[in-house]
Amino acid sequence: MRNEGSSDHSWNNMDNDILVKIFMTLNVMDLITSVSQVCSSWRSACCEPVLWKKLDLRMLKPSFVCNPPKPYPWSNRLPATILMSVLKRSLNLSHGNVTFLIFNFFECIRDEHLVFIAKRTRNLKRLVLPATWHQITIGGTKEAFKMWEGLESLTIPWFCSRMKHMEVIGTYCKNLFELKIDFQFDLNLACALTKNFRKLKVLSLRCKTVHNEALIHILDNSEKLEVLNISHCFFIQFEKGSETSFTLYHEPVQSIIEKGSRLKQFLTCQTKSCDTCKSAPSVEGVSRSIWYELEQRYWQEDEVSSLAH
């Protein structure tokens, strides 16, 4: 009779392929805090490249975050030191195989986080930044993005120095062809895109306020543009000669529709029949926390399938 502690298949002798298939069902926190600590063979399986093509940090467990002073969702963010610890453990296991990185929408990242990631993800192809990345300086942006020359797709929420950041990113990421912008789209920004992103093929502005003159500039000057998503947007038309007087439209004007129809894919909607537009709350009468949760949903969803996550 065998001893109670004996087993035909010890934890350490499980087939590596089976382990990897099991581990593919787990999230990043499970991998770095639990299964990679069991034994050497499990840790080895945790380093398999297939597990790290996509590093999804949206799944950070509530036990790892602070109690938020309501109603600001991003006050739920990880302390900087804990976030860095999560990044170190994850990227040590990944061995440089991450090609797709998504942050938690409400996470506040700093220069040291972005640069640390960039040094260990030189093969990154797609990056989805969080809403609160405004603490990233121009210097931090430059240091990080110069290591991401192969970056192809970027989702970028609101930030202050828009023109400077876009110029830096465009300088180093020459292969970037897919972009989702999660803030107001004006003529200055449109000019920055046509100047710095010459290979841009896919642009999503969904659920944002866009200036008609900015859209016309993009449609007239982005030679490689194939896909434009302006679903659920508000459209601003300034009066001639005025920078303050404008009319707000819920649907694109005819000149934009005509130019957009020449693209391979031109995504828009009709406000009166669009469920997303009809269900969107007004700024008045909705709590700030609900509004930010709605912004998170807009950040995740997209009619362009390659930009949804």
C-alpha atoms as a PDB file:
ATOM      1  CA  MET A   1       0.000   0.000   0.000  1.00  0.00           C
ATOM      2  CA  ARG A   2       1.280   3.480  -0.874  1.00  0.00           C
ATOM      3  CA  ASN A   3       1.858   6.118   1.761  1.00  0.00           C
ATOM      4  CA  GLU A   4      -0.909   8.694   1.963  1.00  0.00           C
ATOM      5  CA  GLY A   5       1.492  11.372   0.745  1.00  0.00           C
ATOM      6  CA  SER A   6       2.532   9.492  -2.389  1.00  0.00           C
ATOM      7  CA  SER A   7       1.004  10.126  -5.827  1.00  0.00           C
ATOM      8  CA  ASP A   8       1.463   8.792  -9.330  1.00  0.00           C
ATOM      9  CA  HIS A   9       1.348  12.342 -10.624  1.00  0.00           C
ATOM     10  CA  SER A  10       2.913  14.886  -8.314  1.00  0.00           C
ATOM     11  CA  TRP A  11       2.299  18.566  -8.867  1.00  0.00           C
ATOM     12  CA  ASN A  12       5.824  18.887 -10.155  1.00  0.00           C
ATOM     13  CA  ASN A  13       5.416  16.234 -12.857  1.00  0.00           C
ATOM     14  CA  MET A  14       2.264  17.423 -14.585  1.00  0.00           C
ATOM     15  CA  ASP A  15       2.522  17.697 -18.362  1.00  0.00           C
ATOM     16  CA  ASN A  16       3.623  21.187 -19.398  1.00  0.00           C
ATOM     17  CA  ASP A  17       1.098  21.477 -22.253  1.00  0.00           C
ATOM     18  CA  ILE A  18      -1.760  20.617 -19.915  1.00  0.00           C
ATOM     19  CA  LEU A  19      -0.559  23.165 -17.385  1.00  0.00           C
ATOM     20  CA  VAL A  20      -0.384  25.875 -20.022  1.00  0.00           C
ATOM     21  CA  LYS A  21      -3.934  25.150 -21.212  1.00  0.00           C
ATOM     22  CA  ILE A  22      -5.171  25.436 -17.632  1.00  0.00           C
ATOM     23  CA  PHE A  23      -3.194  28.605 -16.966  1.00  0.00           C
ATOM     24  CA  MET A  24      -4.644  30.241 -20.070  1.00  0.00           C
ATOM     25  CA  THR A  25      -7.995  30.394 -18.251  1.00  0.00           C
ATOM     26  CA  LEU A  26      -6.513  32.415 -15.382  1.00  0.00           C
ATOM     27  CA  ASN A  27      -5.917  36.139 -15.058  1.00  0.00           C
ATOM     28  CA  VAL A  28      -2.597  37.850 -14.486  1.00  0.00           C
ATOM     29  CA  MET A  29      -3.025  38.111 -10.707  1.00  0.00           C
ATOM     30  CA  ASP A  30      -3.591  34.357 -10.438  1.00  0.00           C
ATOM     31  CA  LEU A  31      -0.430  33.726 -12.428  1.00  0.00           C
ATOM     32  CA  ILE A  32       1.890  36.028 -10.513  1.00  0.00           C
ATOM     33  CA  THR A  33       0.606  35.507  -6.959  1.00  0.00           C
ATOM     34  CA  SER A  34      -0.418  31.853  -6.915  1.00  0.00           C
ATOM     35  CA  VAL A  35       0.371  29.296  -9.579  1.00  0.00           C
ATOM     36  CA  SER A  36       3.884  30.524 -10.382  1.00  0.00           C
ATOM     37  CA  GLN A  37       4.786  29.970  -6.716  1.00  0.00           C
ATOM     38  CA  VAL A  38       3.712  26.316  -6.500  1.00  0.00           C
ATOM     39  CA  CYS A  39       6.831  24.623  -7.870  1.00  0.00           C
ATOM     40  CA  SER A  40       9.554  24.985 -10.480  1.00  0.00           C
ATOM     41  CA  SER A  41       7.645  23.217 -13.266  1.00  0.00           C
ATOM     42  CA  TRP A  42       4.573  25.386 -12.713  1.00  0.00           C
ATOM     43  CA  ARG A  43       6.702  28.508 -12.767  1.00  0.00           C
ATOM     44  CA  SER A  44       8.305  27.305 -15.988  1.00  0.00           C
ATOM     45  CA  ALA A  45       4.854  26.764 -17.519  1.00  0.00           C
ATOM     46  CA  CYS A  46       3.881  30.275 -16.398  1.00  0.00           C
ATOM     47  CA  CYS A  47       6.658  31.633 -18.612  1.00  0.00           C
ATOM     48  CA  GLU A  48       5.297  30.133 -21.833  1.00  0.00           C
ATOM     49  CA  PRO A  49       4.994  32.881 -24.499  1.00  0.00           C
ATOM     50  CA  VAL A  50       1.367  32.019 -25.334  1.00  0.00           C
ATOM     51  CA  LEU A  51       0.325  33.185 -21.844  1.00  0.00           C
ATOM     52  CA  TRP A  52       1.838  36.609 -22.300  1.00  0.00           C
ATOM     53  CA  LYS A  53       0.838  37.777 -25.763  1.00  0.00           C
ATOM     54  CA  LYS A  54      -1.800  39.879 -24.008  1.00  0.00           C
ATOM     55  CA  LEU A  55      -1.154  41.435 -20.600  1.00  0.00           C
ATOM     56  CA  ASP A  56      -4.566  42.473 -19.297  1.00  0.00           C
ATOM     57  CA  LEU A  57      -4.343  44.624 -16.163  1.00  0.00           C
ATOM     58  CA  ARG A  58      -8.089  45.303 -16.041  1.00  0.00           C
ATOM     59  CA  MET A  59      -8.453  42.212 -13.881  1.00  0.00           C
ATOM     60  CA  LEU A  60      -6.637  43.543 -10.819  1.00  0.00           C
ATOM     61  CA  LYS A  61      -8.547  42.276  -7.802  1.00  0.00           C
ATOM     62  CA  PRO A  62     -10.225  44.706  -5.372  1.00  0.00           C
ATOM     63  CA  SER A  63      -8.056  43.440  -2.511  1.00  0.00           C
ATOM     64  CA  PHE A  64      -5.087  45.064  -4.211  1.00  0.00           C
ATOM     65  CA  VAL A  65      -6.567  48.548  -4.315  1.00  0.00           C
ATOM     66  CA  CYS A  66      -7.284  51.356  -1.871  1.00  0.00           C
ATOM     67  CA  ASN A  67     -10.668  52.423  -0.585  1.00  0.00           C
ATOM     68  CA  PRO A  68     -11.865  55.252  -2.836  1.00  0.00           C
ATOM     69  CA  PRO A  69     -12.976  58.647  -1.594  1.00  0.00           C
ATOM     70  CA  LYS A  70     -16.222  58.759  -3.567  1.00  0.00           C
ATOM     71  CA  PRO A  71     -17.203  59.579  -6.225  1.00  0.00           C
ATOM     72  CA  TYR A  72     -13.888  59.368  -8.082  1.00  0.00           C
ATOM     73  CA  PRO A  73     -13.420  55.866  -9.516  1.00  0.00           C
ATOM     74  CA  TRP A  74      -9.712  56.380 -10.126  1.00  0.00           C
ATOM     75  CA  SER A  75      -9.201  56.898  -6.379  1.00  0.00           C
ATOM     76  CA  ASN A  76      -9.560  53.112  -6.393  1.00  0.00           C
ATOM     77  CA  ARG A  77      -6.183  52.876  -8.089  1.00  0.00           C
ATOM     78  CA  LEU A  78      -3.242  50.884  -6.860  1.00  0.00           C
ATOM     79  CA  PRO A  79      -0.597  52.658  -4.819  1.00  0.00           C
ATOM     80  CA  ALA A  80       2.375  53.296  -7.113  1.00  0.00           C
ATOM     81  CA  THR A  81       4.598  50.807  -5.267  1.00  0.00           C
ATOM     82  CA  ILE A  82       2.054  47.988  -5.490  1.00  0.00           C
ATOM     83  CA  LEU A  83       1.433  48.656  -9.166  1.00  0.00           C
ATOM     84  CA  MET A  84       5.175  48.507  -9.793  1.00  0.00           C
ATOM     85  CA  SER A  85       5.347  45.187  -7.935  1.00  0.00           C
ATOM     86  CA  VAL A  86       2.571  43.766 -10.136  1.00  0.00           C
ATOM     87  CA  LEU A  87       4.403  44.971 -13.240  1.00  0.00           C
ATOM     88  CA  LYS A  88       7.729  43.495 -12.126  1.00  0.00           C
ATOM     89  CA  ARG A  89       6.255  40.076 -11.404  1.00  0.00           C
ATOM     90  CA  SER A  90       4.259  39.995 -14.620  1.00  0.00           C
ATOM     91  CA  LEU A  91       7.032  41.158 -16.920  1.00  0.00           C
ATOM     92  CA  ASN A  92       9.601  38.871 -15.294  1.00  0.00           C
ATOM     93  CA  LEU A  93       7.410  35.913 -16.219  1.00  0.00           C
ATOM     94  CA  SER A  94       6.638  37.244 -19.695  1.00  0.00           C
ATOM     95  CA  HIS A  95      10.284  37.288 -20.865  1.00  0.00           C
ATOM     96  CA  GLY A  96       9.542  40.080 -23.351  1.00  0.00           C
ATOM     97  CA  ASN A  97       6.686  38.269 -25.113  1.00  0.00           C
ATOM     98  CA  VAL A  98       3.927  40.828 -24.435  1.00  0.00           C
ATOM     99  CA  THR A  99       2.550  42.283 -27.672  1.00  0.00           C
ATOM    100  CA  PHE A 100      -0.754  43.673 -26.339  1.00  0.00           C
ATOM    101  CA  LEU A 101      -1.063  45.641 -23.082  1.00  0.00           C
ATOM    102  CA  ILE A 102      -4.279  46.945 -21.492  1.00  0.00           C
ATOM    103  CA  PHE A 103      -4.322  48.993 -18.296  1.00  0.00           C
ATOM    104  CA  ASN A 104      -7.140  49.276 -15.801  1.00  0.00           C
ATOM    105  CA  PHE A 105      -9.146  52.288 -17.011  1.00  0.00           C
ATOM    106  CA  PHE A 106      -8.903  54.085 -13.662  1.00  0.00           C
ATOM    107  CA  GLU A 107      -5.258  53.300 -12.944  1.00  0.00           C
ATOM    108  CA  CYS A 108      -2.951  56.273 -12.507  1.00  0.00           C
ATOM    109  CA  ILE A 109       0.419  55.560 -14.101  1.00  0.00           C
ATOM    110  CA  ARG A 110       3.594  57.603 -13.904  1.00  0.00           C
ATOM    111  CA  ASP A 111       6.774  57.936 -15.909  1.00  0.00           C
ATOM    112  CA  GLU A 112       8.531  55.183 -13.966  1.00  0.00           C
ATOM    113  CA  HIS A 113       5.743  52.701 -14.728  1.00  0.00           C
ATOM    114  CA  LEU A 114       5.612  53.429 -18.451  1.00  0.00           C
ATOM    115  CA  VAL A 115       9.390  53.375 -18.905  1.00  0.00           C
ATOM    116  CA  PHE A 116       9.745  50.172 -16.870  1.00  0.00           C
ATOM    117  CA  ILE A 117       7.138  48.509 -19.088  1.00  0.00           C
ATOM    118  CA  ALA A 118       8.689  49.789 -22.313  1.00  0.00           C
ATOM    119  CA  LYS A 119      12.104  48.364 -21.456  1.00  0.00           C
ATOM    120  CA  ARG A 120      10.555  44.914 -21.085  1.00  0.00           C
ATOM    121  CA  THR A 121       8.035  44.951 -23.948  1.00  0.00           C
ATOM    122  CA  ARG A 122      10.119  45.891 -26.978  1.00  0.00           C
ATOM    123  CA  ASN A 123       7.811  43.837 -29.238  1.00  0.00           C
ATOM    124  CA  LEU A 124       4.630  45.658 -28.182  1.00  0.00           C
ATOM    125  CA  LYS A 125       2.125  46.040 -31.033  1.00  0.00           C
ATOM    126  CA  ARG A 126      -0.979  47.337 -29.269  1.00  0.00           C
ATOM    127  CA  LEU A 127      -1.284  49.626 -26.238  1.00  0.00           C
ATOM    128  CA  VAL A 128      -4.462  50.692 -24.419  1.00  0.00           C
ATOM    129  CA  LEU A 129      -3.679  53.504 -21.980  1.00  0.00           C
ATOM    130  CA  PRO A 130      -5.770  54.359 -18.891  1.00  0.00           C
ATOM    131  CA  ALA A 131      -7.890  57.475 -18.494  1.00  0.00           C
ATOM    132  CA  THR A 132      -5.634  58.916 -15.812  1.00  0.00           C
ATOM    133  CA  TRP A 133      -2.264  58.834 -17.534  1.00  0.00           C
ATOM    134  CA  HIS A 134      -1.910  62.623 -17.360  1.00  0.00           C
ATOM    135  CA  GLN A 135       0.999  62.343 -14.902  1.00  0.00           C
ATOM    136  CA  ILE A 136       3.163  61.072 -17.752  1.00  0.00           C
ATOM    137  CA  THR A 137       5.525  63.867 -18.769  1.00  0.00           C
ATOM    138  CA  ILE A 138       6.779  64.648 -22.253  1.00  0.00           C
ATOM    139  CA  GLY A 139      10.162  63.273 -21.177  1.00  0.00           C
ATOM    140  CA  GLY A 140       8.577  60.059 -19.924  1.00  0.00           C
ATOM    141  CA  THR A 141       6.597  59.701 -23.139  1.00  0.00           C
ATOM    142  CA  LYS A 142       9.745  60.142 -25.208  1.00  0.00           C
ATOM    143  CA  GLU A 143      11.774  57.651 -23.169  1.00  0.00           C
ATOM    144  CA  ALA A 144       9.048  54.993 -23.343  1.00  0.00           C
ATOM    145  CA  PHE A 145       7.779  55.325 -26.904  1.00  0.00           C
ATOM    146  CA  LYS A 146      11.248  55.380 -28.450  1.00  0.00           C
ATOM    147  CA  MET A 147      11.441  51.721 -27.367  1.00  0.00           C
ATOM    148  CA  TRP A 148       8.127  50.913 -29.085  1.00  0.00           C
ATOM    149  CA  GLU A 149       9.117  51.446 -32.692  1.00  0.00           C
ATOM    150  CA  GLY A 150       6.945  48.498 -33.733  1.00  0.00           C
ATOM    151  CA  LEU A 151       3.763  49.830 -32.091  1.00  0.00           C
ATOM    152  CA  GLU A 152       0.810  49.553 -34.485  1.00  0.00           C
ATOM    153  CA  SER A 153      -2.309  50.320 -32.441  1.00  0.00           C
ATOM    154  CA  LEU A 154      -2.908  52.878 -29.680  1.00  0.00           C
ATOM    155  CA  THR A 155      -5.911  53.825 -27.563  1.00  0.00           C
ATOM    156  CA  ILE A 156      -5.230  57.132 -25.889  1.00  0.00           C
ATOM    157  CA  PRO A 157      -7.603  58.913 -23.462  1.00  0.00           C
ATOM    158  CA  TRP A 158      -7.548  62.534 -22.371  1.00  0.00           C
ATOM    159  CA  PHE A 159      -4.286  64.353 -21.658  1.00  0.00           C
ATOM    160  CA  CYS A 160      -3.113  67.944 -21.351  1.00  0.00           C
ATOM    161  CA  SER A 161      -0.218  68.507 -23.746  1.00  0.00           C
ATOM    162  CA  ARG A 162      -1.937  66.832 -26.668  1.00  0.00           C
ATOM    163  CA  MET A 163       0.125  68.273 -29.501  1.00  0.00           C
ATOM    164  CA  LYS A 164       3.473  67.596 -27.823  1.00  0.00           C
ATOM    165  CA  HIS A 165       2.563  64.041 -26.866  1.00  0.00           C
ATOM    166  CA  MET A 166       1.276  63.253 -30.353  1.00  0.00           C
ATOM    167  CA  GLU A 167       4.420  64.677 -31.911  1.00  0.00           C
ATOM    168  CA  VAL A 168       6.636  62.530 -29.677  1.00  0.00           C
ATOM    169  CA  ILE A 169       4.616  59.373 -30.326  1.00  0.00           C
ATOM    170  CA  GLY A 170       4.552  60.033 -34.061  1.00  0.00           C
ATOM    171  CA  THR A 171       8.306  60.605 -34.112  1.00  0.00           C
ATOM    172  CA  TYR A 172       9.113  57.145 -32.773  1.00  0.00           C
ATOM    173  CA  CYS A 173       6.115  55.000 -33.759  1.00  0.00           C
ATOM    174  CA  LYS A 174       6.359  55.203 -37.540  1.00  0.00           C
ATOM    175  CA  ASN A 175       4.411  51.959 -38.019  1.00  0.00           C
ATOM    176  CA  LEU A 176       1.350  53.054 -36.052  1.00  0.00           C
ATOM    177  CA  PHE A 177      -1.709  52.694 -38.288  1.00  0.00           C
ATOM    178  CA  GLU A 178      -4.606  52.345 -35.831  1.00  0.00           C
ATOM    179  CA  LEU A 179      -5.645  55.007 -33.332  1.00  0.00           C
ATOM    180  CA  LYS A 180      -8.526  55.529 -30.926  1.00  0.00           C
ATOM    181  CA  ILE A 181      -8.779  58.978 -29.364  1.00  0.00           C
ATOM    182  CA  ASP A 182     -10.923  59.331 -26.278  1.00  0.00           C
ATOM    183  CA  PHE A 183     -11.263  63.118 -25.996  1.00  0.00           C
ATOM    184  CA  GLN A 184     -12.474  66.140 -27.947  1.00  0.00           C
ATOM    185  CA  PHE A 185     -11.208  66.215 -31.516  1.00  0.00           C
ATOM    186  CA  ASP A 186     -10.393  69.688 -32.820  1.00  0.00           C
ATOM    187  CA  LEU A 187      -8.518  71.107 -35.796  1.00  0.00           C
ATOM    188  CA  ASN A 188      -5.185  71.409 -33.973  1.00  0.00           C
ATOM    189  CA  LEU A 189      -5.294  67.738 -33.095  1.00  0.00           C
ATOM    190  CA  ALA A 190      -6.345  66.783 -36.620  1.00  0.00           C
ATOM    191  CA  CYS A 191      -3.354  68.682 -38.004  1.00  0.00           C
ATOM    192  CA  ALA A 192      -1.071  66.919 -35.520  1.00  0.00           C
ATOM    193  CA  LEU A 193      -2.338  63.540 -36.728  1.00  0.00           C
ATOM    194  CA  THR A 194      -1.884  64.240 -40.423  1.00  0.00           C
ATOM    195  CA  LYS A 195       1.595  65.598 -39.744  1.00  0.00           C
ATOM    196  CA  ASN A 196       2.872  62.868 -37.408  1.00  0.00           C
ATOM    197  CA  PHE A 197       0.949  59.712 -38.379  1.00  0.00           C
ATOM    198  CA  ARG A 198       1.395  59.331 -42.120  1.00  0.00           C
ATOM    199  CA  LYS A 199       0.482  55.616 -42.105  1.00  0.00           C
ATOM    200  CA  LEU A 200      -2.806  56.058 -40.231  1.00  0.00           C
ATOM    201  CA  LYS A 201      -5.441  53.708 -41.660  1.00  0.00           C
ATOM    202  CA  VAL A 202      -7.945  53.368 -38.815  1.00  0.00           C
ATOM    203  CA  LEU A 203      -9.239  56.202 -36.617  1.00  0.00           C
ATOM    204  CA  SER A 204     -11.985  55.965 -33.993  1.00  0.00           C
ATOM    205  CA  LEU A 205     -13.499  59.050 -32.366  1.00  0.00           C
ATOM    206  CA  ARG A 206     -16.673  57.365 -31.095  1.00  0.00           C
ATOM    207  CA  CYS A 207     -18.749  58.995 -28.357  1.00  0.00           C
ATOM    208  CA  LYS A 208     -16.749  62.237 -28.406  1.00  0.00           C
ATOM    209  CA  THR A 209     -17.265  65.843 -29.435  1.00  0.00           C
ATOM    210  CA  VAL A 210     -15.664  66.486 -32.800  1.00  0.00           C
ATOM    211  CA  HIS A 211     -15.220  69.685 -34.771  1.00  0.00           C
ATOM    212  CA  ASN A 212     -16.474  69.525 -38.347  1.00  0.00           C
ATOM    213  CA  GLU A 213     -13.412  71.358 -39.651  1.00  0.00           C
ATOM    214  CA  ALA A 214     -11.196  68.771 -37.950  1.00  0.00           C
ATOM    215  CA  LEU A 215     -13.024  65.893 -39.643  1.00  0.00           C
ATOM    216  CA  ILE A 216     -12.808  67.580 -43.018  1.00  0.00           C
ATOM    217  CA  HIS A 217      -9.067  68.117 -42.531  1.00  0.00           C
ATOM    218  CA  ILE A 218      -8.544  64.432 -41.698  1.00  0.00           C
ATOM    219  CA  LEU A 219     -10.635  63.254 -44.633  1.00  0.00           C
ATOM    220  CA  ASP A 220      -8.828  65.569 -47.049  1.00  0.00           C
ATOM    221  CA  ASN A 221      -5.273  65.003 -45.821  1.00  0.00           C
ATOM    222  CA  SER A 222      -4.945  61.424 -44.505  1.00  0.00           C
ATOM    223  CA  GLU A 223      -4.011  59.645 -47.711  1.00  0.00           C
ATOM    224  CA  LYS A 224      -3.962  56.141 -46.234  1.00  0.00           C
ATOM    225  CA  LEU A 225      -7.092  56.430 -44.074  1.00  0.00           C
ATOM    226  CA  GLU A 226      -9.456  53.512 -44.702  1.00  0.00           C
ATOM    227  CA  VAL A 227     -11.675  53.358 -41.613  1.00  0.00           C
ATOM    228  CA  LEU A 228     -13.244  56.225 -39.646  1.00  0.00           C
ATOM    229  CA  ASN A 229     -15.609  55.698 -36.717  1.00  0.00           C
ATOM    230  CA  ILE A 230     -17.652  58.734 -35.646  1.00  0.00           C
ATOM    231  CA  SER A 231     -20.554  56.818 -34.117  1.00  0.00           C
ATOM    232  CA  HIS A 232     -22.402  58.445 -31.174  1.00  0.00           C
ATOM    233  CA  CYS A 233     -20.521  61.751 -31.544  1.00  0.00           C
ATOM    234  CA  PHE A 234     -21.535  65.371 -31.136  1.00  0.00           C
ATOM    235  CA  PHE A 235     -20.479  67.634 -33.996  1.00  0.00           C
ATOM    236  CA  ILE A 236     -19.453  71.265 -33.578  1.00  0.00           C
ATOM    237  CA  GLN A 237     -19.719  73.765 -36.420  1.00  0.00           C
ATOM    238  CA  PHE A 238     -18.197  77.165 -35.648  1.00  0.00           C
ATOM    239  CA  GLU A 239     -19.701  80.219 -37.245  1.00  0.00           C
ATOM    240  CA  LYS A 240     -17.515  81.746 -39.913  1.00  0.00           C
ATOM    241  CA  GLY A 241     -14.893  84.053 -38.409  1.00  0.00           C
ATOM    242  CA  SER A 242     -15.777  83.096 -34.826  1.00  0.00           C
ATOM    243  CA  GLU A 243     -13.898  80.948 -32.315  1.00  0.00           C
ATOM    244  CA  THR A 244     -16.627  81.002 -29.689  1.00  0.00           C
ATOM    245  CA  SER A 245     -19.974  80.931 -31.487  1.00  0.00           C
ATOM    246  CA  PHE A 246     -20.970  77.492 -32.748  1.00  0.00           C
ATOM    247  CA  THR A 247     -23.824  75.119 -33.461  1.00  0.00           C
ATOM    248  CA  LEU A 248     -23.934  71.625 -31.977  1.00  0.00           C
ATOM    249  CA  TYR A 249     -25.242  68.800 -34.177  1.00  0.00           C
ATOM    250  CA  HIS A 250     -26.123  65.227 -33.287  1.00  0.00           C
ATOM    251  CA  GLU A 251     -25.325  63.920 -36.762  1.00  0.00           C
ATOM    252  CA  PRO A 252     -22.564  64.697 -39.294  1.00  0.00           C
ATOM    253  CA  VAL A 253     -23.246  67.308 -41.954  1.00  0.00           C
ATOM    254  CA  GLN A 254     -23.664  66.241 -45.566  1.00  0.00           C
ATOM    255  CA  SER A 255     -20.177  67.309 -46.690  1.00  0.00           C
ATOM    256  CA  ILE A 256     -18.595  64.993 -44.115  1.00  0.00           C
ATOM    257  CA  ILE A 257     -20.884  62.117 -45.088  1.00  0.00           C
ATOM    258  CA  GLU A 258     -19.919  62.542 -48.743  1.00  0.00           C
ATOM    259  CA  LYS A 259     -16.187  62.571 -47.996  1.00  0.00           C
ATOM    260  CA  GLY A 260     -16.445  59.701 -45.505  1.00  0.00           C
ATOM    261  CA  SER A 261     -18.383  57.508 -47.918  1.00  0.00           C
ATOM    262  CA  ARG A 262     -15.258  57.247 -50.065  1.00  0.00           C
ATOM    263  CA  LEU A 263     -13.494  55.271 -47.336  1.00  0.00           C
ATOM    264  CA  LYS A 264     -13.563  51.475 -47.122  1.00  0.00           C
ATOM    265  CA  GLN A 265     -15.496  51.765 -43.863  1.00  0.00           C
ATOM    266  CA  PHE A 266     -17.252  54.893 -42.585  1.00  0.00           C
ATOM    267  CA  LEU A 267     -19.045  54.266 -39.299  1.00  0.00           C
ATOM    268  CA  THR A 268     -21.686  56.659 -38.046  1.00  0.00           C
ATOM    269  CA  CYS A 269     -25.178  56.430 -36.599  1.00  0.00           C
ATOM    270  CA  GLN A 270     -28.558  58.103 -36.693  1.00  0.00           C
ATOM    271  CA  THR A 271     -29.272  59.582 -33.288  1.00  0.00           C
ATOM    272  CA  LYS A 272     -33.020  59.016 -33.383  1.00  0.00           C
ATOM    273  CA  SER A 273     -32.684  55.283 -34.003  1.00  0.00           C
ATOM    274  CA  CYS A 274     -29.396  54.602 -32.186  1.00  0.00           C
ATOM    275  CA  ASP A 275     -29.809  52.825 -28.840  1.00  0.00           C
ATOM    276  CA  THR A 276     -26.397  53.985 -27.591  1.00  0.00           C
ATOM    277  CA  CYS A 277     -27.168  57.628 -28.300  1.00  0.00           C
ATOM    278  CA  LYS A 278     -30.672  57.414 -26.858  1.00  0.00           C
ATOM    279  CA  SER A 279     -29.463  55.782 -23.640  1.00  0.00           C
ATOM    280  CA  ALA A 280     -26.624  58.242 -23.024  1.00  0.00           C
ATOM    281  CA  PRO A 281     -27.384  60.417 -19.965  1.00  0.00           C
ATOM    282  CA  SER A 282     -27.066  64.189 -20.043  1.00  0.00           C
ATOM    283  CA  VAL A 283     -24.265  65.783 -18.041  1.00  0.00           C
ATOM    284  CA  GLU A 284     -26.876  67.276 -15.735  1.00  0.00           C
ATOM    285  CA  GLY A 285     -28.669  64.889 -13.441  1.00  0.00           C
ATOM    286  CA  VAL A 286     -26.085  62.111 -13.432  1.00  0.00           C
ATOM    287  CA  SER A 287     -23.570  61.447 -10.671  1.00  0.00           C
ATOM    288  CA  ARG A 288     -19.898  61.850 -11.438  1.00  0.00           C
ATOM    289  CA  SER A 289     -19.165  58.209 -10.616  1.00  0.00           C
ATOM    290  CA  ILE A 290     -21.839  57.022 -13.079  1.00  0.00           C
ATOM    291  CA  TRP A 291     -20.432  59.342 -15.729  1.00  0.00           C
ATOM    292  CA  TYR A 292     -16.932  57.907 -15.316  1.00  0.00           C
ATOM    293  CA  GLU A 293     -18.264  54.369 -15.488  1.00  0.00           C
ATOM    294  CA  LEU A 294     -19.939  55.319 -18.751  1.00  0.00           C
ATOM    295  CA  GLU A 295     -16.637  56.715 -20.020  1.00  0.00           C
ATOM    296  CA  GLN A 296     -15.007  53.391 -19.172  1.00  0.00           C
ATOM    297  CA  ARG A 297     -17.593  51.562 -21.261  1.00  0.00           C
ATOM    298  CA  TYR A 298     -16.998  53.891 -24.204  1.00  0.00           C
ATOM    299  CA  TRP A 299     -13.248  53.251 -23.812  1.00  0.00           C
ATOM    300  CA  GLN A 300     -13.758  49.479 -23.987  1.00  0.00           C
ATOM    301  CA  GLU A 301     -16.352  49.250 -26.737  1.00  0.00           C
ATOM    302  CA  ASP A 302     -15.880  50.062 -30.393  1.00  0.00           C
ATOM    303  CA  GLU A 303     -17.651  49.374 -33.670  1.00  0.00           C
ATOM    304  CA  VAL A 304     -14.183  48.738 -35.115  1.00  0.00           C
ATOM    305  CA  SER A 305     -13.629  45.206 -33.834  1.00  0.00           C
ATOM    306  CA  SER A 306      -9.842  45.492 -33.683  1.00  0.00           C
ATOM    307  CA  LEU A 307     -10.169  48.416 -31.233  1.00  0.00           C
ATOM    308  CA  ALA A 308     -12.680  46.817 -28.859  1.00  0.00           C
ATOM    309  CA  HIS A 309     -11.296  45.046 -25.807  1.00  0.00           C
END
